[in-house]
Amino acid sequence: MMNSLKHVLMHFKNSVLYPIFIIIFFINVAISVFFSWGSLGGFNIYTNISDSMYPTIEKGDLLVIAKKNMNTYKIGDIISFYGNYQGESSVITHRIHDIGGNVYITKGDNNKFPDAQVLRPRLIIGEVVAIIPKIGDFVINYKSTPSRLAFIIFPTFVIMLTEYFYLAKLKKTSVSFK
């Protein structure tokens, strides 16, 4: 069994697929790190979790959020904020429906009524500056343990074994000059 695995990996090492495999592996690592941080510079990245903003934002869309000065938000802006969704603390994205003093009233485009809870400025994460359709579902799945095993750990193991067998072959075939 070990000999056949060794043979397959050595053939793989010498094929044109190996460098492509290495490049894809490093892209996967970069994507994994990027999405596990959830932010880049002044931007945060979230996945929309409901249909409350349909048709503007659909469930599973990836949202890029930029922090703004509290005095610059206006009625009609789409913002993300910390709130409760189905009894759990979550990031919610709704449109500013009204502004009263130092609080905001928000409403999902697909909801009949404004949100019952007034929004305090300290709970606002920022304004939605980009919507990337359907990518959010991929990100959620990418963060799961099985995906990390498939995209990071398994390829790492394949690369390490391939290089180990390659180095062992080099050591065995190298001529010693004494």
Protein backbone atom coordinates (compact mmCIF):
# COMPACT_ATOMS: atom_id res chain seq x y z
CA MET A 1 0.00 0.00 0.00
CA MET A 2 2.76 2.45 0.98
CA ASN A 3 4.70 1.64 -2.19
CA SER A 4 1.69 2.36 -4.41
CA LEU A 5 1.01 5.64 -2.55
CA LYS A 6 4.66 6.55 -2.95
CA HIS A 7 4.51 5.75 -6.67
CA VAL A 8 1.34 7.82 -7.19
CA LEU A 9 2.77 10.80 -5.30
CA MET A 10 6.05 10.66 -7.20
CA HIS A 11 4.15 10.59 -10.49
CA PHE A 12 2.05 13.52 -9.23
CA LYS A 13 5.20 15.45 -8.27
CA ASN A 14 6.55 15.13 -11.81
CA SER A 15 3.29 16.10 -13.50
CA VAL A 16 2.19 19.55 -14.63
CA LEU A 17 -0.63 19.36 -12.06
CA TYR A 18 1.66 19.62 -9.04
CA PRO A 19 2.58 23.33 -9.46
CA ILE A 20 -1.09 24.12 -10.15
CA PHE A 21 -2.04 22.19 -6.99
CA ILE A 22 0.51 24.21 -4.97
CA ILE A 23 -0.83 27.52 -6.33
CA ILE A 24 -4.44 26.58 -5.59
CA PHE A 25 -3.40 25.47 -2.10
CA PHE A 26 -1.81 28.85 -1.32
CA ILE A 27 -4.85 30.69 -2.73
CA ASN A 28 -7.04 28.59 -0.40
CA VAL A 29 -4.86 29.48 2.57
CA ALA A 30 -5.03 33.20 1.69
CA ILE A 31 -8.81 33.07 1.31
CA SER A 32 -9.15 31.19 4.59
CA VAL A 33 -7.07 33.75 6.47
CA PHE A 34 -8.92 36.66 4.83
CA PHE A 35 -12.37 35.35 5.74
CA SER A 36 -11.41 34.23 9.23
CA TRP A 37 -10.32 37.79 10.04
CA GLY A 38 -13.61 39.14 8.70
CA SER A 39 -12.08 42.51 7.97
CA LEU A 40 -9.59 44.20 5.74
CA GLY A 41 -8.40 47.71 6.51
CA GLY A 42 -11.41 49.87 7.25
CA PHE A 43 -13.87 47.32 5.87
CA ASN A 44 -15.75 44.48 7.54
CA ILE A 45 -17.22 41.50 5.72
CA TYR A 46 -20.47 39.81 6.69
CA THR A 47 -22.87 37.35 5.17
CA ASN A 48 -26.51 38.41 5.00
CA ILE A 49 -28.53 35.94 7.10
CA SER A 50 -32.14 36.73 6.20
CA ASP A 51 -34.48 37.86 3.43
CA SER A 52 -35.49 41.06 5.25
CA MET A 53 -33.70 43.23 2.65
CA TYR A 54 -34.96 41.32 -0.40
CA PRO A 55 -34.74 42.18 -3.34
CA THR A 56 -31.88 44.64 -2.66
CA ILE A 57 -29.89 42.10 -0.62
CA GLU A 58 -30.67 38.39 -0.66
CA LYS A 59 -29.95 35.79 1.98
CA GLY A 60 -26.43 34.50 1.40
CA ASP A 61 -25.04 37.66 -0.21
CA LEU A 62 -21.65 38.85 0.99
CA LEU A 63 -21.67 42.42 2.34
CA VAL A 64 -18.72 44.79 2.53
CA ILE A 65 -19.23 47.34 5.31
CA ALA A 66 -17.36 50.63 5.76
CA LYS A 67 -17.33 52.54 9.04
CA LYS A 68 -18.57 56.12 8.76
CA ASN A 69 -18.81 59.11 11.05
CA MET A 70 -22.12 58.88 12.95
CA ASN A 71 -23.20 62.35 11.76
CA THR A 72 -23.06 61.33 8.10
CA TYR A 73 -25.70 58.58 8.10
CA LYS A 74 -28.95 59.61 6.44
CA ILE A 75 -32.38 58.18 5.74
CA GLY A 76 -32.14 55.54 3.02
CA ASP A 77 -28.60 54.36 3.86
CA ILE A 78 -28.23 50.61 4.26
CA ILE A 79 -26.33 49.89 7.46
CA SER A 80 -25.19 46.85 9.40
CA PHE A 81 -25.50 46.83 13.16
CA TYR A 82 -25.46 44.54 16.18
CA GLY A 83 -28.92 43.33 17.13
CA ASN A 84 -31.02 40.28 17.86
CA TYR A 85 -32.10 37.87 15.14
CA GLN A 86 -34.27 34.93 16.13
CA GLY A 87 -33.29 35.39 19.78
CA GLU A 88 -29.53 35.47 19.17
CA SER A 89 -27.05 38.32 18.99
CA SER A 90 -26.18 38.84 15.35
CA VAL A 91 -25.20 41.35 12.67
CA ILE A 92 -28.33 42.76 11.02
CA THR A 93 -28.45 44.79 7.83
CA HIS A 94 -31.39 47.16 7.29
CA ARG A 95 -32.12 50.53 5.74
CA ILE A 96 -32.35 53.68 7.88
CA HIS A 97 -36.06 54.48 7.91
CA ASP A 98 -36.01 57.50 10.24
CA ILE A 99 -33.62 59.46 12.43
CA GLY A 100 -34.77 60.89 15.75
CA GLY A 101 -32.31 62.79 17.89
CA ASN A 102 -29.47 60.41 18.63
CA VAL A 103 -31.23 57.19 17.56
CA TYR A 104 -32.04 55.50 14.28
CA ILE A 105 -35.16 53.64 13.22
CA THR A 106 -34.39 50.89 10.73
CA LYS A 107 -36.50 48.73 8.46
CA GLY A 108 -35.82 45.83 6.15
CA ASP A 109 -36.99 46.48 2.57
CA ASN A 110 -39.00 43.24 2.70
CA ASN A 111 -40.57 43.99 6.11
CA LYS A 112 -43.97 45.65 6.47
CA PHE A 113 -43.08 47.66 9.57
CA PRO A 114 -39.98 49.40 10.94
CA ASP A 115 -37.92 47.56 13.54
CA ALA A 116 -39.43 47.78 17.03
CA GLN A 117 -36.11 48.50 18.69
CA VAL A 118 -34.48 51.90 18.21
CA LEU A 119 -30.86 51.73 17.20
CA ARG A 120 -28.21 53.52 19.22
CA PRO A 121 -25.16 54.79 17.27
CA ARG A 122 -22.70 52.62 19.26
CA LEU A 123 -24.32 49.48 17.76
CA ILE A 124 -23.75 50.55 14.14
CA ILE A 125 -20.91 48.74 12.39
CA GLY A 126 -21.07 50.77 9.20
CA GLU A 127 -22.70 51.34 5.84
CA VAL A 128 -22.98 48.69 3.14
CA VAL A 129 -20.64 49.75 0.32
CA ALA A 130 -20.70 46.55 -1.76
CA ILE A 131 -22.97 43.56 -2.19
CA ILE A 132 -21.47 40.42 -3.70
CA PRO A 133 -24.32 38.07 -4.65
CA LYS A 134 -24.35 34.47 -3.36
CA ILE A 135 -20.71 34.45 -2.18
CA GLY A 136 -21.71 34.62 1.49
CA ASP A 137 -22.99 31.02 1.48
CA PHE A 138 -19.60 29.92 0.15
CA VAL A 139 -17.83 31.85 2.92
CA ILE A 140 -20.00 30.29 5.63
CA ASN A 141 -19.32 26.84 4.22
CA TYR A 142 -15.63 27.66 3.78
CA LYS A 143 -15.34 28.44 7.49
CA SER A 144 -16.69 25.02 8.49
CA THR A 145 -14.40 22.29 9.83
CA PRO A 146 -15.04 19.85 6.94
CA SER A 147 -14.17 22.57 4.42
CA ARG A 148 -10.98 23.45 6.22
CA LEU A 149 -10.06 19.78 6.24
CA ALA A 150 -10.77 19.51 2.52
CA PHE A 151 -9.13 22.75 1.43
CA ILE A 152 -6.27 23.20 3.91
CA ILE A 153 -5.32 20.16 5.97
CA PHE A 154 -5.65 17.42 3.33
CA PRO A 155 -3.67 19.36 0.67
CA THR A 156 -1.00 20.15 3.29
CA PHE A 157 -0.70 16.45 4.04
CA VAL A 158 -0.44 15.61 0.31
CA ILE A 159 2.27 18.24 -0.23
CA MET A 160 4.26 17.08 2.82
CA LEU A 161 4.10 13.41 1.80
CA THR A 162 5.01 14.19 -1.80
CA GLU A 163 8.03 16.23 -0.74
CA TYR A 164 9.07 13.60 1.81
CA PHE A 165 9.08 10.83 -0.81
CA TYR A 166 10.83 13.09 -3.31
CA LEU A 167 13.59 13.96 -0.82
CA ALA A 168 13.94 10.30 0.18
CA LYS A 169 14.34 9.38 -3.49
CA LEU A 170 16.95 12.12 -3.97
CA LYS A 171 18.88 10.94 -0.93
CA LYS A 172 18.79 7.33 -2.13
CA THR A 173 19.92 8.19 -5.68
CA SER A 174 22.51 10.84 -4.86
CA VAL A 175 26.13 9.92 -5.30
CA SER A 176 28.34 10.57 -2.37
CA PHE A 177 31.63 12.30 -3.23
CA LYS A 178 34.34 11.38 -0.75
